[in-house]
Amino acid sequence: MGGAVVDEGPTGIKAPDGGWGWAVLLGCFVITGFSYAFPKAVSVFFKELIREFGIGYSDTAWISSILLAMLYGTGPLCSVCVNRFGCRPVMLAGGLLASLGMVSASFCGSIIQLYLTTGVITGLGLALNFQPSLIMLNRYFNKRRPMANGLAAAGSPVFLCALSPLGQLLQDHYGWRGGFLILGGLLLNCCVCAALMRPLEAPKPGSRPGPQRPSRRLLDLSVFRDRGFVIYAVAASIMVLGLFVPPVFVVSYAKDLGVPDTQAAFLLTILGFIDIFARPTAGFITGLKKVRPYSVYLFSFAMFFNGFTDLTGSTASDYGGLVVFCIFFGISYGMVGALQFEVLMAIVGTHKFSSAIGLVLLLEAVAVLIGPPSGGKLLDATHVYQYVFLLAGAEEEHHKPPPDADVRVDSREVEHFLKAEPEKNGEVVHTPETSV
């Protein structure tokens, strides 16, 4: 694919590590929150959709699944758009699409129409915001990038805690159609965030020009020649197979142990609360001068720690044990979320990052849709929750990116999202849904 990069950021410009970069960080925080928490907010309306359309929960759950599939699976498309048109125009178009999808959904008369509007159109709009916001954050921060990434990644659990009760409130007062319409208006804030993504200014006339950058493809597949990237992509994809499984099943696990519904649901609140602080803390620690050169090792430790937490969580036999599990899982989950794309940036470098992140998200999209349903199949076959946690932990334990991968730059962000929803009457329905 030919084509030059329009909004790549001028050469010879040093990342400001502050200034307008803080506005960019705020925009990235909001975009990350919307992208990963929105499937959770939408799931609040599922019971009312079931009553209106006379369908099953598995039918409505595909709305969230399609949202997540679009967020992850359109990574290469986002890379092409960013490399062709630039970050800000792509994000503005994405914000309009995301809002249009939800507003259109409020007039839908069938579940198929909701798949198209809420799932495909809104999901594509969020994807066109998520990836460019990370690229812009990378351009504005260098020395403080790990901390900036950690703060931006914290948007996921913060918005998760806010959008779910907001969705319930909207449903109670305006019904699902009114709620969708208001959420569509709320998503127009993505356009405000896009306006914050001001391109870095080129050198003034008369100043010494920077080195010439070679022309780049719209989607740079040469990253697959990088052994470090290949190992990272495979390891991250396999990690995602098990990463989101425990949050999907931990509430039902607690109820299976005889824990009351309210206490069981509180486990996800504990996990999310810990995650809010774990992400910026991990980013701050990684940004320390003596720690940053070892960010790949820290990410490897985070993956190992997360897998080990899953394995030990399978031994929990009471509510107290599950609380301890959620605390440590929240810490490890936050570390993975804050460091994942920081390390990808370290491996592939600045100029290939926009293509690399799109390809990694595409690979992870498959894992996102396979992981939780696979855990559900195992649970249906065995009726033993411990096996699900053992499976999730084993997938992460055996696939850590080697610290000797070809690391060139210094590190990068993002997270992956958070949890999934325990379903009606406390029973988890094993569908491809993984709420964030």
Protein backbone atom coordinates (compact mmCIF):
# COMPACT_ATOMS: atom_id res chain seq x y z
CA MET A 1 0.00 0.00 0.00
CA GLY A 2 1.48 3.30 -1.02
CA GLY A 3 0.92 6.73 0.37
CA ALA A 4 2.73 9.20 2.50
CA VAL A 5 2.10 10.01 6.11
CA VAL A 6 0.24 13.26 6.54
CA ASP A 7 0.21 13.79 10.28
CA GLU A 8 3.23 11.88 11.38
CA GLY A 9 4.79 14.62 13.44
CA PRO A 10 7.70 16.63 12.08
CA THR A 11 11.21 15.35 12.41
CA GLY A 12 13.62 17.20 14.63
CA ILE A 13 10.83 18.12 17.10
CA LYS A 14 11.48 17.11 20.65
CA ALA A 15 8.49 15.75 22.59
CA PRO A 16 7.45 18.58 24.93
CA ASP A 17 6.77 16.22 27.87
CA GLY A 18 4.25 18.71 29.20
CA GLY A 19 2.64 21.91 28.08
CA TRP A 20 -0.18 21.10 25.64
CA GLY A 21 0.71 17.47 26.20
CA TRP A 22 -1.34 17.52 29.41
CA ALA A 23 -4.43 18.44 27.37
CA VAL A 24 -3.60 15.56 25.01
CA LEU A 25 -3.28 13.28 28.06
CA LEU A 26 -6.72 14.37 29.29
CA GLY A 27 -8.20 13.61 25.89
CA CYS A 28 -6.53 10.21 25.82
CA PHE A 29 -7.84 9.50 29.35
CA VAL A 30 -11.41 10.20 28.22
CA ILE A 31 -11.08 8.23 24.98
CA THR A 32 -9.60 5.21 26.77
CA GLY A 33 -12.44 5.36 29.29
CA PHE A 34 -15.14 5.46 26.62
CA SER A 35 -13.50 2.75 24.52
CA TYR A 36 -13.14 0.16 27.24
CA ALA A 37 -16.04 0.97 29.56
CA PHE A 38 -18.78 1.55 26.98
CA PRO A 39 -19.58 -2.16 26.39
CA LYS A 40 -20.24 -2.41 30.13
CA ALA A 41 -22.52 0.61 30.12
CA VAL A 42 -24.51 -0.77 27.18
CA SER A 43 -24.98 -4.11 28.94
CA VAL A 44 -27.04 -2.36 31.63
CA PHE A 45 -29.86 -2.06 29.06
CA PHE A 46 -29.87 -5.73 28.10
CA LYS A 47 -32.79 -6.84 30.30
CA GLU A 48 -35.05 -4.16 28.86
CA LEU A 49 -33.97 -5.13 25.34
CA ILE A 50 -34.81 -8.75 26.12
CA ARG A 51 -38.33 -7.77 27.21
CA GLU A 52 -38.98 -5.49 24.25
CA PHE A 53 -37.69 -7.73 21.47
CA GLY A 54 -38.55 -11.09 23.04
CA ILE A 55 -34.99 -12.44 22.68
CA GLY A 56 -32.53 -14.22 24.92
CA TYR A 57 -29.59 -12.81 26.77
CA SER A 58 -27.13 -14.48 24.42
CA ASP A 59 -28.65 -12.41 21.59
CA THR A 60 -28.19 -9.11 23.40
CA ALA A 61 -24.71 -10.07 24.60
CA TRP A 62 -23.51 -10.00 21.00
CA ILE A 63 -23.91 -6.22 21.06
CA SER A 64 -20.99 -5.93 23.46
CA SER A 65 -19.11 -8.63 21.58
CA ILE A 66 -19.40 -6.75 18.29
CA LEU A 67 -18.37 -3.51 20.01
CA LEU A 68 -15.20 -5.15 21.32
CA ALA A 69 -14.52 -6.94 18.05
CA MET A 70 -14.70 -3.63 16.19
CA LEU A 71 -12.48 -1.93 18.76
CA TYR A 72 -9.78 -4.56 18.39
CA GLY A 73 -10.33 -6.03 14.94
CA THR A 74 -10.25 -2.74 13.03
CA GLY A 75 -6.72 -1.96 14.24
CA PRO A 76 -5.09 -2.20 10.78
CA LEU A 77 -7.85 -0.04 9.27
CA CYS A 78 -7.20 2.61 11.92
CA SER A 79 -3.47 2.45 11.17
CA VAL A 80 -4.12 3.04 7.47
CA CYS A 81 -6.45 5.97 8.19
CA VAL A 82 -4.04 7.60 10.62
CA ASN A 83 -1.09 7.21 8.26
CA ARG A 84 -3.13 8.63 5.40
CA PHE A 85 -5.19 11.43 6.98
CA GLY A 86 -3.60 12.12 10.37
CA CYS A 87 -4.78 11.60 13.95
CA ARG A 88 -7.09 14.58 14.48
CA PRO A 89 -9.31 14.15 11.36
CA VAL A 90 -9.65 10.42 12.01
CA MET A 91 -10.66 11.03 15.62
CA LEU A 92 -13.21 13.69 14.66
CA ALA A 93 -14.79 11.29 12.17
CA GLY A 94 -14.70 8.54 14.80
CA GLY A 95 -16.44 10.70 17.39
CA LEU A 96 -19.22 11.51 14.94
CA LEU A 97 -19.59 7.83 14.00
CA ALA A 98 -19.71 6.72 17.64
CA SER A 99 -22.42 9.27 18.43
CA LEU A 100 -24.36 8.53 15.23
CA GLY A 101 -24.41 4.82 16.04
CA MET A 102 -25.99 5.31 19.46
CA VAL A 103 -28.47 7.96 18.30
CA SER A 104 -29.55 5.68 15.42
CA ALA A 105 -29.85 2.77 17.85
CA SER A 106 -32.47 4.65 19.83
CA PHE A 107 -34.80 4.33 16.81
CA CYS A 108 -34.10 0.64 16.09
CA GLY A 109 -36.94 -1.86 15.83
CA SER A 110 -34.97 -5.13 15.92
CA ILE A 111 -31.88 -6.66 17.48
CA ILE A 112 -30.22 -6.95 14.06
CA GLN A 113 -30.46 -3.19 13.65
CA LEU A 114 -28.86 -2.77 17.09
CA TYR A 115 -25.98 -5.02 16.00
CA LEU A 116 -25.38 -2.68 13.07
CA THR A 117 -25.77 0.63 14.90
CA THR A 118 -24.51 0.09 18.45
CA GLY A 119 -22.13 -2.72 17.56
CA VAL A 120 -20.61 -1.90 14.18
CA ILE A 121 -21.01 1.88 13.80
CA THR A 122 -20.34 2.89 17.42
CA GLY A 123 -17.60 0.25 17.73
CA LEU A 124 -15.86 1.56 14.62
CA GLY A 125 -16.18 5.13 15.89
CA LEU A 126 -14.57 4.25 19.22
CA ALA A 127 -11.79 2.37 17.42
CA LEU A 128 -11.05 5.41 15.26
CA ASN A 129 -10.60 7.41 18.47
CA PHE A 130 -8.73 4.91 20.63
CA GLN A 131 -5.70 4.13 18.51
CA PRO A 132 -4.94 7.69 17.26
CA SER A 133 -5.16 9.04 20.81
CA LEU A 134 -2.40 6.65 21.88
CA ILE A 135 -0.25 7.69 18.92
CA MET A 136 -0.64 11.37 19.80
CA LEU A 137 0.20 10.69 23.43
CA ASN A 138 3.40 9.04 22.25
CA ARG A 139 4.33 12.12 20.22
CA TYR A 140 3.85 14.52 23.12
CA PHE A 141 5.63 12.49 25.80
CA ASN A 142 9.03 10.85 25.86
CA LYS A 143 10.73 11.08 29.25
CA ARG A 144 7.38 11.10 31.03
CA ARG A 145 5.70 8.69 28.65
CA PRO A 146 5.36 5.74 31.07
CA MET A 147 3.65 7.96 33.62
CA ALA A 148 1.44 9.51 30.92
CA ASN A 149 0.48 6.07 29.66
CA GLY A 150 -0.39 4.89 33.14
CA LEU A 151 -2.59 7.92 33.78
CA ALA A 152 -4.33 7.56 30.41
CA ALA A 153 -4.93 3.85 31.01
CA ALA A 154 -6.62 4.69 34.31
CA GLY A 155 -9.50 6.06 32.25
CA SER A 156 -10.77 2.52 31.74
CA PRO A 157 -11.58 1.63 35.38
CA VAL A 158 -12.64 5.21 36.22
CA PHE A 159 -15.20 5.34 33.40
CA LEU A 160 -16.23 1.79 34.19
CA CYS A 161 -17.23 2.90 37.68
CA ALA A 162 -19.09 5.92 36.26
CA LEU A 163 -20.81 4.76 33.08
CA SER A 164 -22.48 1.65 34.52
CA PRO A 165 -24.49 3.46 37.22
CA LEU A 166 -25.15 6.30 34.75
CA GLY A 167 -26.59 3.80 32.27
CA GLN A 168 -28.82 2.34 34.97
CA LEU A 169 -30.00 5.81 35.94
CA LEU A 170 -30.81 6.70 32.34
CA GLN A 171 -32.72 3.46 31.86
CA ASP A 172 -34.80 4.05 34.99
CA HIS A 173 -35.77 7.58 33.93
CA TYR A 174 -35.88 7.49 30.13
CA GLY A 175 -35.99 3.84 29.09
CA TRP A 176 -33.43 2.23 26.83
CA ARG A 177 -34.25 4.43 23.83
CA GLY A 178 -33.82 7.65 25.77
CA GLY A 179 -30.70 6.25 27.42
CA PHE A 180 -29.14 5.38 24.08
CA LEU A 181 -29.96 8.84 22.74
CA ILE A 182 -28.31 10.57 25.73
CA LEU A 183 -25.27 8.27 25.56
CA GLY A 184 -24.99 9.15 21.89
CA GLY A 185 -24.84 12.82 22.82
CA LEU A 186 -22.28 12.02 25.50
CA LEU A 187 -20.06 10.35 22.90
CA LEU A 188 -19.79 13.67 21.06
CA ASN A 189 -17.22 14.50 23.71
CA CYS A 190 -14.90 12.29 21.66
CA CYS A 191 -14.91 15.10 19.08
CA VAL A 192 -13.87 17.54 21.82
CA CYS A 193 -11.01 15.21 22.71
CA ALA A 194 -10.08 15.00 19.03
CA ALA A 195 -9.86 18.79 18.90
CA LEU A 196 -7.26 18.62 21.68
CA MET A 197 -4.96 16.46 19.52
CA ARG A 198 -3.04 19.40 18.06
CA PRO A 199 -0.21 18.29 15.77
CA LEU A 200 3.26 19.30 16.88
CA GLU A 201 4.47 22.39 15.06
CA ALA A 202 7.12 22.05 12.39
CA PRO A 203 10.45 23.87 12.80
CA LYS A 204 10.22 27.59 12.08
CA PRO A 205 11.71 28.91 8.82
CA GLY A 206 15.39 29.53 9.18
CA SER A 207 15.84 26.89 11.84
CA ARG A 208 17.96 23.91 11.14
CA PRO A 209 15.84 21.29 9.38
CA GLY A 210 15.58 17.85 10.87
CA PRO A 211 16.74 14.73 9.09
CA GLN A 212 14.59 13.57 6.20
CA ARG A 213 12.26 10.73 7.06
CA PRO A 214 11.94 7.98 4.48
CA SER A 215 8.50 7.48 2.97
CA ARG A 216 6.37 4.95 4.80
CA ARG A 217 3.58 2.62 3.77
CA LEU A 218 0.06 3.11 5.01
CA LEU A 219 0.30 -0.22 6.82
CA ASP A 220 3.88 -1.20 7.50
CA LEU A 221 3.97 -5.00 7.47
CA SER A 222 7.76 -4.97 7.78
CA VAL A 223 7.27 -5.12 11.56
CA PHE A 224 6.79 -8.86 11.13
CA ARG A 225 10.46 -9.08 10.17
CA ASP A 226 11.28 -7.91 13.68
CA ARG A 227 11.72 -11.00 15.85
CA GLY A 228 10.97 -8.98 18.98
CA PHE A 229 7.64 -7.80 17.57
CA VAL A 230 6.61 -11.29 16.48
CA ILE A 231 7.36 -12.72 19.92
CA TYR A 232 5.54 -9.84 21.59
CA ALA A 233 2.47 -10.17 19.34
CA VAL A 234 2.17 -13.93 19.90
CA ALA A 235 2.73 -13.62 23.65
CA ALA A 236 0.25 -10.75 24.04
CA SER A 237 -2.41 -12.58 22.03
CA ILE A 238 -2.10 -15.73 24.10
CA MET A 239 -2.06 -13.67 27.28
CA VAL A 240 -5.37 -12.05 26.30
CA LEU A 241 -6.93 -15.52 26.00
CA GLY A 242 -6.80 -15.79 29.77
CA LEU A 243 -6.54 -12.16 30.87
CA PHE A 244 -10.26 -11.40 30.84
CA VAL A 245 -11.54 -14.79 31.95
CA PRO A 246 -11.31 -14.39 35.78
CA PRO A 247 -13.31 -11.12 35.93
CA VAL A 248 -16.04 -12.78 33.88
CA PHE A 249 -16.45 -15.70 36.27
CA VAL A 250 -15.33 -14.45 39.70
CA VAL A 251 -18.82 -13.28 40.74
CA SER A 252 -20.46 -16.58 39.81
CA TYR A 253 -17.57 -18.39 41.50
CA ALA A 254 -18.40 -16.52 44.72
CA LYS A 255 -22.11 -17.30 44.43
CA ASP A 256 -21.27 -20.95 43.86
CA LEU A 257 -19.51 -20.82 47.22
CA GLY A 258 -22.72 -19.53 48.84
CA VAL A 259 -21.80 -15.83 48.98
CA PRO A 260 -24.82 -13.44 48.87
CA ASP A 261 -25.41 -11.64 45.58
CA THR A 262 -24.52 -8.15 46.82
CA GLN A 263 -21.25 -9.30 48.35
CA ALA A 264 -20.38 -11.30 45.26
CA ALA A 265 -20.97 -8.30 42.98
CA PHE A 266 -18.78 -6.18 45.25
CA LEU A 267 -15.78 -8.26 44.16
CA LEU A 268 -15.73 -6.47 40.80
CA THR A 269 -15.88 -3.13 42.61
CA ILE A 270 -12.82 -4.11 44.62
CA LEU A 271 -11.00 -5.21 41.47
CA GLY A 272 -11.86 -1.99 39.64
CA PHE A 273 -10.91 0.24 42.58
CA ILE A 274 -7.48 -1.37 42.88
CA ASP A 275 -7.03 -1.15 39.11
CA ILE A 276 -7.63 2.63 39.18
CA PHE A 277 -4.55 3.14 41.35
CA ALA A 278 -2.44 0.31 39.96
CA ARG A 279 -2.22 1.74 36.44
CA PRO A 280 -0.81 5.22 37.20
CA THR A 281 1.41 3.74 39.91
CA ALA A 282 2.88 1.22 37.47
CA GLY A 283 3.41 4.01 34.95
CA PHE A 284 5.13 6.22 37.50
CA ILE A 285 7.45 3.43 38.66
CA THR A 286 8.31 2.47 35.08
CA GLY A 287 9.16 6.10 34.33
CA LEU A 288 11.85 6.22 37.02
CA LYS A 289 15.27 6.74 35.52
CA LYS A 290 16.74 3.55 36.96
CA VAL A 291 13.68 1.41 36.17
CA ARG A 292 12.75 2.47 32.63
CA PRO A 293 15.55 0.60 30.83
CA TYR A 294 14.09 -2.58 32.34
CA SER A 295 10.46 -1.93 31.32
CA VAL A 296 10.36 -5.15 29.28
CA TYR A 297 11.41 -7.14 32.34
CA LEU A 298 8.74 -5.36 34.41
CA PHE A 299 6.09 -6.23 31.83
CA SER A 300 7.23 -9.85 31.82
CA PHE A 301 6.92 -9.85 35.61
CA ALA A 302 3.41 -8.34 35.35
CA MET A 303 2.32 -11.15 33.01
CA PHE A 304 3.85 -13.79 35.27
CA PHE A 305 2.29 -12.18 38.34
CA ASN A 306 -1.13 -12.09 36.68
CA GLY A 307 -0.92 -15.75 35.69
CA PHE A 308 0.31 -16.75 39.14
CA THR A 309 -2.58 -14.81 40.70
CA ASP A 310 -5.05 -16.79 38.56
CA LEU A 311 -3.46 -20.07 39.63
CA THR A 312 -3.60 -19.19 43.32
CA GLY A 313 -7.13 -17.82 42.91
CA SER A 314 -8.28 -21.31 41.98
CA THR A 315 -7.52 -22.37 45.57
CA ALA A 316 -9.91 -19.82 47.13
CA SER A 317 -12.54 -21.57 49.21
CA ASP A 318 -14.38 -18.64 50.81
CA TYR A 319 -15.24 -14.99 50.29
CA GLY A 320 -12.12 -13.73 52.03
CA GLY A 321 -9.95 -15.72 49.65
CA LEU A 322 -11.71 -14.24 46.65
CA VAL A 323 -11.28 -10.71 48.06
CA VAL A 324 -7.55 -11.30 48.34
CA PHE A 325 -7.55 -12.70 44.80
CA CYS A 326 -9.33 -9.59 43.45
CA ILE A 327 -6.86 -7.28 45.18
CA PHE A 328 -3.81 -8.98 43.68
CA PHE A 329 -5.51 -9.52 40.33
CA GLY A 330 -6.33 -5.79 40.23
CA ILE A 331 -2.68 -4.94 40.86
CA SER A 332 -1.36 -7.30 38.20
CA TYR A 333 -4.10 -6.36 35.75
CA GLY A 334 -3.30 -2.68 36.20
CA MET A 335 0.38 -3.33 35.62
CA VAL A 336 -0.33 -5.20 32.39
CA GLY A 337 -2.69 -2.46 31.24
CA ALA A 338 -0.23 0.35 31.93
CA LEU A 339 2.82 -1.35 30.41
CA GLN A 340 1.52 -3.29 27.42
CA PHE A 341 1.84 -0.63 24.74
CA GLU A 342 4.72 1.09 26.48
CA VAL A 343 6.72 -2.07 25.84
CA LEU A 344 5.41 -2.36 22.27
CA MET A 345 6.70 1.16 21.65
CA ALA A 346 10.05 0.12 23.08
CA ILE A 347 10.26 -2.84 20.71
CA VAL A 348 9.19 -1.35 17.38
CA GLY A 349 10.15 2.30 17.74
CA THR A 350 8.29 5.53 17.01
CA HIS A 351 7.84 5.35 13.25
CA LYS A 352 6.41 1.83 13.13
CA PHE A 353 4.22 2.14 16.20
CA SER A 354 1.04 3.22 14.40
CA SER A 355 1.15 0.10 12.21
CA ALA A 356 2.35 -2.22 14.97
CA ILE A 357 -0.43 -1.32 17.40
CA GLY A 358 -3.08 -1.93 14.74
CA LEU A 359 -1.72 -5.36 13.90
CA VAL A 360 -1.41 -6.32 17.57
CA LEU A 361 -4.99 -5.26 18.27
CA LEU A 362 -6.17 -7.34 15.33
CA LEU A 363 -4.44 -10.44 16.69
CA GLU A 364 -5.82 -9.78 20.16
CA ALA A 365 -9.35 -9.37 18.79
CA VAL A 366 -9.47 -13.08 18.05
CA ALA A 367 -8.26 -13.92 21.55
CA VAL A 368 -10.77 -11.52 23.15
CA LEU A 369 -13.65 -13.37 21.51
CA ILE A 370 -12.26 -16.85 22.18
CA GLY A 371 -11.10 -16.58 25.82
CA PRO A 372 -14.28 -16.12 27.90
CA PRO A 373 -16.46 -18.46 25.78
CA SER A 374 -13.75 -21.13 26.08
CA GLY A 375 -13.84 -20.72 29.84
CA GLY A 376 -17.60 -21.07 29.68
CA LYS A 377 -17.35 -24.28 27.68
CA LEU A 378 -14.91 -25.71 30.21
CA LEU A 379 -17.23 -24.71 33.05
CA ASP A 380 -20.23 -26.27 31.31
CA ALA A 381 -18.30 -29.50 30.87
CA THR A 382 -16.81 -29.74 34.37
CA HIS A 383 -18.96 -27.46 36.59
CA VAL A 384 -15.73 -26.64 38.46
CA TYR A 385 -14.72 -22.98 38.58
CA GLN A 386 -11.19 -23.82 39.72
CA TYR A 387 -10.43 -25.34 36.32
CA VAL A 388 -11.34 -22.06 34.61
CA PHE A 389 -8.89 -20.13 36.78
CA LEU A 390 -6.20 -22.75 36.27
CA LEU A 391 -6.68 -22.55 32.50
CA ALA A 392 -6.48 -18.74 32.53
CA GLY A 393 -3.36 -18.77 34.69
CA ALA A 394 -1.63 -21.42 32.58
CA GLU A 395 -2.17 -19.40 29.39
CA GLU A 396 -0.42 -16.39 30.89
CA GLU A 397 2.33 -18.26 32.71
CA HIS A 398 3.70 -19.95 29.61
CA HIS A 399 3.76 -16.98 27.24
CA LYS A 400 5.85 -14.03 28.40
CA PRO A 401 7.77 -11.89 25.91
CA PRO A 402 11.49 -12.52 26.41
CA PRO A 403 13.32 -9.52 27.85
CA ASP A 404 16.08 -9.95 25.29
CA ALA A 405 13.72 -9.02 22.44
CA ASP A 406 15.10 -6.34 20.16
CA VAL A 407 14.36 -3.23 22.24
CA ARG A 408 15.22 0.07 20.58
CA VAL A 409 13.24 2.90 22.02
CA ASP A 410 12.04 3.36 25.50
CA SER A 411 8.46 2.29 26.08
CA ARG A 412 4.71 2.89 25.54
CA GLU A 413 1.22 2.53 26.84
CA VAL A 414 -2.07 1.32 27.03
CA GLU A 415 -4.06 -0.98 28.63
CA HIS A 416 -6.53 -3.43 27.89
CA PHE A 417 -9.72 -3.36 29.26
CA LEU A 418 -11.38 -4.64 32.35
CA LYS A 419 -14.01 -6.99 33.16
CA ALA A 420 -17.16 -8.62 32.18
CA GLU A 421 -20.59 -8.73 33.49
CA PRO A 422 -22.16 -11.27 35.76
CA GLU A 423 -25.56 -11.82 34.38
CA LYS A 424 -29.14 -11.92 35.42
CA ASN A 425 -30.02 -13.53 38.73
CA GLY A 426 -26.35 -13.93 39.43
CA GLU A 427 -25.71 -16.46 36.70
CA VAL A 428 -23.01 -15.90 34.13
CA VAL A 429 -24.14 -16.60 30.59
CA HIS A 430 -21.18 -17.94 28.67
CA THR A 431 -21.19 -15.85 25.52
CA PRO A 432 -18.42 -14.02 23.73
CA GLU A 433 -19.19 -10.89 25.73
CA THR A 434 -16.36 -9.42 27.75
CA SER A 435 -17.36 -6.07 29.16
CA VAL A 436 -14.61 -3.70 29.85
